[in-house]
Amino acid sequence: MWQGWISGILGLWLLVSAFTVAGNKTGDLTNDLILGIVFLILGIWAGIIHKSWQSWVVAVIGTWMVIAGLWFPASYGGNLANDLIMGAVVAIAGFWSTKSSVVIPREKSA
């Protein structure tokens, strides 16, 4: 599913931006690196073999990204905006993917 690939690409960006975006402090840097790795792995995995639990994990972690962006006192400036936008996009893609992975069984025609 394309949402998985988007999450993987954004995970790669999160890994790069952890070192390049101004204002990234230790706690926030660690959070960005760990979540970047998780997004990258789950995103690529979901793009190849989609399981509904992967989408839920990505959606929840994306939501955490938004909360953590506001919670860490070291987040400010470009890094705060990066974390908020990344978290929102990944959470939306994750929840969207969970919705599209739900299969509604049809009644058998006689």
Foldseek 3Di string as FASTA:
>chain_A
DVLLLVLLVLLVVLLVCLPVPPQNDDVNSVLSPVSSVLSNVLSVVCVVPNDLVSLVVQLVSLVVLLVVLVVDPSRDDPRSVSSNVSSVSSNVSSVVVNVVVDDDDDDDDD
